[in-house]
N, C-alpha and C. Protein backbone atom coordinates (compact mmCIF):
# COMPACT_ATOMS: atom_id res chain seq x y z
N MET A 1 0.82 -1.19 0.00
CA MET A 1 0.00 0.00 0.00
C MET A 1 0.87 1.25 0.00
N LYS A 2 2.02 1.18 0.67
CA LYS A 2 2.88 2.36 0.73
C LYS A 2 3.36 2.76 -0.65
N SER A 3 3.60 1.79 -1.53
CA SER A 3 4.14 2.12 -2.84
C SER A 3 3.10 2.73 -3.78
N ILE A 4 1.82 2.47 -3.55
CA ILE A 4 0.78 3.02 -4.43
C ILE A 4 0.39 4.44 -4.02
N MET A 5 0.54 4.79 -2.76
CA MET A 5 0.13 6.12 -2.29
C MET A 5 0.83 7.26 -3.02
N PRO A 6 2.15 7.20 -3.21
CA PRO A 6 2.78 8.31 -3.95
C PRO A 6 2.25 8.44 -5.37
N TRP A 7 1.91 7.32 -6.00
CA TRP A 7 1.39 7.39 -7.37
C TRP A 7 -0.01 7.98 -7.40
N ILE A 8 -0.82 7.66 -6.42
CA ILE A 8 -2.15 8.27 -6.32
C ILE A 8 -2.00 9.78 -6.08
N ALA A 9 -1.08 10.14 -5.20
CA ALA A 9 -0.84 11.56 -4.92
C ALA A 9 -0.32 12.28 -6.16
N ARG A 10 0.56 11.65 -6.89
CA ARG A 10 1.12 12.28 -8.11
C ARG A 10 0.04 12.47 -9.17
N ALA A 11 -0.79 11.47 -9.36
CA ALA A 11 -1.87 11.59 -10.35
C ALA A 11 -2.85 12.69 -9.95
N THR A 12 -3.18 12.75 -8.69
CA THR A 12 -4.09 13.79 -8.21
C THR A 12 -3.45 15.16 -8.35
N LEU A 13 -2.18 15.26 -8.01
CA LEU A 13 -1.45 16.52 -8.15
C LEU A 13 -1.45 16.98 -9.61
N LEU A 14 -1.17 16.07 -10.54
CA LEU A 14 -1.18 16.43 -11.95
C LEU A 14 -2.56 16.92 -12.41
N ALA A 15 -3.61 16.27 -11.93
CA ALA A 15 -4.96 16.69 -12.30
C ALA A 15 -5.26 18.09 -11.78
N VAL A 16 -4.90 18.35 -10.53
CA VAL A 16 -5.15 19.67 -9.94
C VAL A 16 -4.31 20.73 -10.66
N LEU A 17 -3.04 20.42 -10.93
CA LEU A 17 -2.19 21.36 -11.65
C LEU A 17 -2.75 21.66 -13.04
N ALA A 18 -3.26 20.65 -13.74
CA ALA A 18 -3.82 20.86 -15.07
C ALA A 18 -5.04 21.76 -15.03
N VAL A 19 -5.92 21.54 -14.08
CA VAL A 19 -7.12 22.37 -13.96
C VAL A 19 -6.74 23.80 -13.58
N ALA A 20 -5.82 23.95 -12.64
CA ALA A 20 -5.38 25.29 -12.22
C ALA A 20 -4.70 26.02 -13.37
N PHE A 21 -3.86 25.32 -14.11
CA PHE A 21 -3.15 25.94 -15.23
C PHE A 21 -4.12 26.35 -16.33
N ALA A 22 -5.07 25.47 -16.65
CA ALA A 22 -6.06 25.79 -17.69
C ALA A 22 -6.86 27.02 -17.30
N GLY A 23 -7.25 27.12 -16.05
CA GLY A 23 -7.98 28.30 -15.58
C GLY A 23 -7.13 29.55 -15.59
N ALA A 24 -5.85 29.39 -15.30
CA ALA A 24 -4.95 30.55 -15.23
C ALA A 24 -4.66 31.14 -16.60
N ILE A 25 -4.61 30.30 -17.64
CA ILE A 25 -4.26 30.83 -18.96
C ILE A 25 -5.49 31.12 -19.83
N ASP A 26 -6.67 30.75 -19.39
CA ASP A 26 -7.90 30.98 -20.15
C ASP A 26 -8.37 32.42 -19.92
N PRO A 27 -8.33 33.26 -20.95
CA PRO A 27 -8.74 34.65 -20.76
C PRO A 27 -10.25 34.79 -20.49
N HIS A 28 -11.02 33.75 -20.78
CA HIS A 28 -12.47 33.80 -20.56
C HIS A 28 -12.89 32.87 -19.41
N HIS A 29 -11.96 32.63 -18.51
CA HIS A 29 -12.23 31.71 -17.39
C HIS A 29 -13.40 32.22 -16.57
N ASN A 30 -14.34 31.34 -16.31
CA ASN A 30 -15.51 31.68 -15.52
C ASN A 30 -15.46 30.88 -14.23
N ALA A 31 -14.99 31.51 -13.17
CA ALA A 31 -14.83 30.82 -11.89
C ALA A 31 -16.17 30.36 -11.33
N GLU A 32 -17.22 31.09 -11.58
CA GLU A 32 -18.54 30.72 -11.06
C GLU A 32 -19.02 29.39 -11.63
N ARG A 33 -18.58 29.06 -12.84
CA ARG A 33 -18.97 27.81 -13.48
C ARG A 33 -18.41 26.60 -12.71
N SER A 34 -17.29 26.79 -12.03
CA SER A 34 -16.62 25.70 -11.33
C SER A 34 -17.05 25.54 -9.88
N VAL A 35 -17.85 26.46 -9.38
CA VAL A 35 -18.23 26.42 -7.97
C VAL A 35 -19.24 25.30 -7.74
N PRO A 36 -18.97 24.42 -6.78
CA PRO A 36 -19.93 23.35 -6.51
C PRO A 36 -21.18 23.92 -5.84
N PRO A 37 -22.30 23.19 -5.92
CA PRO A 37 -23.52 23.65 -5.25
C PRO A 37 -23.31 23.79 -3.74
N ALA A 38 -24.08 24.67 -3.14
CA ALA A 38 -23.96 24.94 -1.70
C ALA A 38 -24.13 23.66 -0.87
N ASP A 39 -25.01 22.77 -1.30
CA ASP A 39 -25.25 21.52 -0.58
C ASP A 39 -23.99 20.67 -0.53
N VAL A 40 -23.25 20.62 -1.62
CA VAL A 40 -22.01 19.85 -1.68
C VAL A 40 -20.97 20.46 -0.73
N VAL A 41 -20.84 21.76 -0.79
CA VAL A 41 -19.89 22.46 0.09
C VAL A 41 -20.24 22.20 1.56
N GLU A 42 -21.51 22.24 1.87
CA GLU A 42 -21.96 22.00 3.24
C GLU A 42 -21.60 20.59 3.70
N HIS A 43 -21.83 19.60 2.86
CA HIS A 43 -21.51 18.22 3.24
C HIS A 43 -20.01 18.03 3.43
N VAL A 44 -19.20 18.60 2.56
CA VAL A 44 -17.74 18.50 2.70
C VAL A 44 -17.31 19.18 3.99
N ALA A 45 -17.82 20.37 4.24
CA ALA A 45 -17.42 21.12 5.44
C ALA A 45 -17.81 20.38 6.71
N TYR A 46 -19.04 19.87 6.76
CA TYR A 46 -19.45 19.15 7.97
C TYR A 46 -18.67 17.84 8.14
N GLY A 47 -18.45 17.13 7.06
CA GLY A 47 -17.66 15.89 7.15
C GLY A 47 -16.27 16.19 7.70
N TYR A 48 -15.66 17.25 7.20
CA TYR A 48 -14.31 17.64 7.65
C TYR A 48 -14.34 18.11 9.11
N LEU A 49 -15.18 19.06 9.40
CA LEU A 49 -15.20 19.65 10.75
C LEU A 49 -15.60 18.65 11.82
N LEU A 50 -16.62 17.85 11.56
CA LEU A 50 -17.03 16.87 12.57
C LEU A 50 -15.90 15.87 12.83
N THR A 51 -15.22 15.44 11.79
CA THR A 51 -14.13 14.49 11.97
C THR A 51 -12.97 15.10 12.73
N VAL A 52 -12.51 16.28 12.31
CA VAL A 52 -11.37 16.93 12.97
C VAL A 52 -11.70 17.25 14.43
N LEU A 53 -12.87 17.82 14.67
CA LEU A 53 -13.22 18.22 16.04
C LEU A 53 -13.43 17.02 16.95
N THR A 54 -13.96 15.93 16.41
CA THR A 54 -14.12 14.73 17.23
C THR A 54 -12.77 14.11 17.54
N ILE A 55 -11.87 14.10 16.58
CA ILE A 55 -10.51 13.59 16.83
C ILE A 55 -9.83 14.41 17.92
N ALA A 56 -9.98 15.73 17.85
CA ALA A 56 -9.38 16.60 18.86
C ALA A 56 -10.05 16.44 20.22
N SER A 57 -11.35 16.19 20.23
CA SER A 57 -12.10 16.06 21.47
C SER A 57 -11.92 14.72 22.15
N LEU A 58 -11.63 13.69 21.38
CA LEU A 58 -11.50 12.34 21.90
C LEU A 58 -10.14 11.77 21.52
N PRO A 59 -9.07 12.27 22.12
CA PRO A 59 -7.72 11.87 21.69
C PRO A 59 -7.39 10.39 21.89
N ARG A 60 -8.13 9.70 22.73
CA ARG A 60 -7.84 8.28 22.97
C ARG A 60 -8.55 7.35 21.99
N VAL A 61 -9.45 7.91 21.19
CA VAL A 61 -10.18 7.10 20.21
C VAL A 61 -9.41 7.12 18.90
N ASN A 62 -9.30 5.98 18.26
CA ASN A 62 -8.60 5.86 16.99
C ASN A 62 -9.26 6.76 15.94
N PRO A 63 -8.52 7.67 15.32
CA PRO A 63 -9.11 8.57 14.33
C PRO A 63 -9.76 7.86 13.15
N TRP A 64 -9.25 6.69 12.80
CA TRP A 64 -9.82 5.94 11.68
C TRP A 64 -11.20 5.42 12.02
N TRP A 65 -11.41 5.06 13.30
CA TRP A 65 -12.74 4.65 13.74
C TRP A 65 -13.71 5.83 13.70
N ILE A 66 -13.22 7.00 14.07
CA ILE A 66 -14.05 8.20 14.04
C ILE A 66 -14.47 8.50 12.60
N GLY A 67 -13.52 8.49 11.68
CA GLY A 67 -13.85 8.73 10.27
C GLY A 67 -14.83 7.70 9.74
N GLY A 68 -14.60 6.44 10.08
CA GLY A 68 -15.51 5.38 9.66
C GLY A 68 -16.90 5.55 10.24
N ALA A 69 -16.96 5.97 11.50
CA ALA A 69 -18.26 6.18 12.14
C ALA A 69 -19.04 7.30 11.44
N TYR A 70 -18.36 8.40 11.13
CA TYR A 70 -19.06 9.49 10.44
C TYR A 70 -19.47 9.09 9.03
N LEU A 71 -18.67 8.30 8.38
CA LEU A 71 -19.04 7.82 7.06
C LEU A 71 -20.28 6.92 7.15
N ALA A 72 -20.31 6.06 8.15
CA ALA A 72 -21.47 5.19 8.36
C ALA A 72 -22.72 5.99 8.71
N VAL A 73 -22.57 6.98 9.56
CA VAL A 73 -23.72 7.81 9.94
C VAL A 73 -24.25 8.57 8.72
N GLY A 74 -23.34 9.16 7.95
CA GLY A 74 -23.76 9.88 6.74
C GLY A 74 -24.46 8.96 5.76
N GLY A 75 -23.89 7.77 5.55
CA GLY A 75 -24.52 6.80 4.67
C GLY A 75 -25.86 6.34 5.21
N GLY A 76 -25.93 6.19 6.53
CA GLY A 76 -27.19 5.79 7.17
C GLY A 76 -28.29 6.82 6.95
N PHE A 77 -27.94 8.09 7.08
CA PHE A 77 -28.92 9.14 6.83
C PHE A 77 -29.40 9.13 5.38
N GLU A 78 -28.48 8.90 4.46
CA GLU A 78 -28.87 8.85 3.05
C GLU A 78 -29.83 7.68 2.81
N VAL A 79 -29.56 6.53 3.40
CA VAL A 79 -30.44 5.36 3.25
C VAL A 79 -31.80 5.65 3.89
N MET A 80 -31.80 6.30 5.06
CA MET A 80 -33.07 6.63 5.71
C MET A 80 -33.90 7.59 4.85
N GLN A 81 -33.23 8.42 4.06
CA GLN A 81 -33.97 9.31 3.16
C GLN A 81 -34.69 8.54 2.07
N ILE A 82 -34.13 7.42 1.66
CA ILE A 82 -34.79 6.58 0.65
C ILE A 82 -36.15 6.13 1.17
N PHE A 83 -36.21 5.77 2.44
CA PHE A 83 -37.43 5.24 3.03
C PHE A 83 -38.30 6.32 3.66
N GLY A 84 -37.90 7.59 3.53
CA GLY A 84 -38.70 8.69 4.06
C GLY A 84 -38.65 8.82 5.56
N LEU A 85 -37.65 8.23 6.20
CA LEU A 85 -37.56 8.30 7.66
C LEU A 85 -36.99 9.63 8.14
N VAL A 86 -36.25 10.31 7.29
CA VAL A 86 -35.74 11.66 7.57
C VAL A 86 -35.98 12.50 6.31
N SER A 87 -36.00 13.80 6.49
CA SER A 87 -36.29 14.67 5.34
C SER A 87 -35.14 14.67 4.35
N GLY A 88 -35.46 14.99 3.12
CA GLY A 88 -34.45 15.05 2.07
C GLY A 88 -34.60 13.89 1.11
N THR A 89 -33.73 13.89 0.11
CA THR A 89 -33.73 12.82 -0.88
C THR A 89 -32.34 12.22 -0.96
N PHE A 90 -32.28 10.94 -1.23
CA PHE A 90 -30.99 10.27 -1.38
C PHE A 90 -30.25 10.86 -2.57
N GLN A 91 -28.97 11.18 -2.35
CA GLN A 91 -28.14 11.69 -3.44
C GLN A 91 -26.73 11.14 -3.29
N TRP A 92 -26.22 10.57 -4.39
CA TRP A 92 -24.86 10.04 -4.38
C TRP A 92 -23.85 11.14 -4.11
N LYS A 93 -24.13 12.36 -4.61
CA LYS A 93 -23.19 13.45 -4.41
C LYS A 93 -23.06 13.80 -2.93
N ASP A 94 -24.13 13.60 -2.15
CA ASP A 94 -24.04 13.83 -0.71
C ASP A 94 -23.09 12.83 -0.06
N LEU A 95 -23.21 11.57 -0.44
CA LEU A 95 -22.30 10.55 0.08
C LEU A 95 -20.86 10.86 -0.31
N ALA A 96 -20.66 11.22 -1.57
CA ALA A 96 -19.31 11.54 -2.04
C ALA A 96 -18.76 12.77 -1.33
N SER A 97 -19.61 13.74 -1.08
CA SER A 97 -19.17 14.96 -0.39
C SER A 97 -18.81 14.67 1.06
N ASN A 98 -19.61 13.85 1.72
CA ASN A 98 -19.27 13.44 3.09
C ASN A 98 -17.92 12.74 3.11
N LEU A 99 -17.73 11.82 2.18
CA LEU A 99 -16.47 11.08 2.09
C LEU A 99 -15.30 12.03 1.84
N ALA A 100 -15.49 13.00 0.97
CA ALA A 100 -14.42 13.96 0.67
C ALA A 100 -14.01 14.74 1.91
N GLY A 101 -14.97 15.18 2.71
CA GLY A 101 -14.64 15.91 3.93
C GLY A 101 -13.91 15.04 4.94
N ILE A 102 -14.36 13.81 5.09
CA ILE A 102 -13.72 12.89 6.03
C ILE A 102 -12.31 12.54 5.57
N VAL A 103 -12.15 12.29 4.28
CA VAL A 103 -10.82 11.99 3.74
C VAL A 103 -9.89 13.19 3.93
N ALA A 104 -10.40 14.39 3.70
CA ALA A 104 -9.58 15.60 3.89
C ALA A 104 -9.12 15.73 5.35
N ALA A 105 -9.96 15.31 6.28
CA ALA A 105 -9.59 15.37 7.69
C ALA A 105 -8.56 14.31 8.06
N LEU A 106 -8.67 13.14 7.45
CA LEU A 106 -7.78 12.03 7.81
C LEU A 106 -6.49 12.00 6.99
N ALA A 107 -6.47 12.66 5.85
CA ALA A 107 -5.29 12.63 4.97
C ALA A 107 -4.01 13.07 5.67
N PRO A 108 -4.02 14.16 6.44
CA PRO A 108 -2.76 14.54 7.12
C PRO A 108 -2.26 13.46 8.08
N LEU A 109 -3.18 12.74 8.70
CA LEU A 109 -2.78 11.66 9.60
C LEU A 109 -2.13 10.52 8.81
N ALA A 110 -2.71 10.21 7.65
CA ALA A 110 -2.14 9.15 6.81
C ALA A 110 -0.77 9.56 6.30
N LEU A 111 -0.63 10.81 5.90
CA LEU A 111 0.67 11.28 5.42
C LEU A 111 1.70 11.32 6.54
N GLY A 112 1.27 11.72 7.73
CA GLY A 112 2.18 11.73 8.88
C GLY A 112 2.63 10.34 9.26
N ARG A 113 1.72 9.39 9.18
CA ARG A 113 2.07 8.00 9.49
C ARG A 113 3.04 7.45 8.45
N ARG A 114 2.79 7.80 7.19
CA ARG A 114 3.62 7.31 6.10
C ARG A 114 5.05 7.83 6.20
N SER A 115 5.17 9.08 6.58
CA SER A 115 6.50 9.69 6.65
C SER A 115 7.17 9.46 8.00
N GLY A 116 6.49 8.76 8.88
CA GLY A 116 7.06 8.49 10.20
C GLY A 116 7.05 9.71 11.09
N GLY A 117 6.16 10.68 10.80
CA GLY A 117 6.06 11.87 11.64
C GLY A 117 7.12 12.91 11.35
N ARG A 118 7.91 12.70 10.29
CA ARG A 118 8.94 13.71 9.95
C ARG A 118 8.28 14.97 9.45
N GLY A 119 8.82 16.11 9.81
CA GLY A 119 8.20 17.36 9.41
C GLY A 119 8.95 18.17 8.50
């Protein structure tokens, strides 16, 4: 797994650099076109903040369990929406947004573990 992580990071870095470069050199770049819907931003923000703040609040609990718990809760709410048990409608983008926020919160821990805590 350690050998694949740098390649995933490199591919992601290249994709982000390509998008940033294309936007930087496009004289007709429309930043508003690239803005995700408010609902997506909200799910990413809550996934990130809930994970980070819970990790900080419960230092003895494994952060990976915390991330997994929030992912399960978010997925559970989406499933409950299918059956009308909670308000809203099931949306894959909500699940993906929750996952993105949780991954963003846990990524520094994974990178720190990989590098042995070197700074």
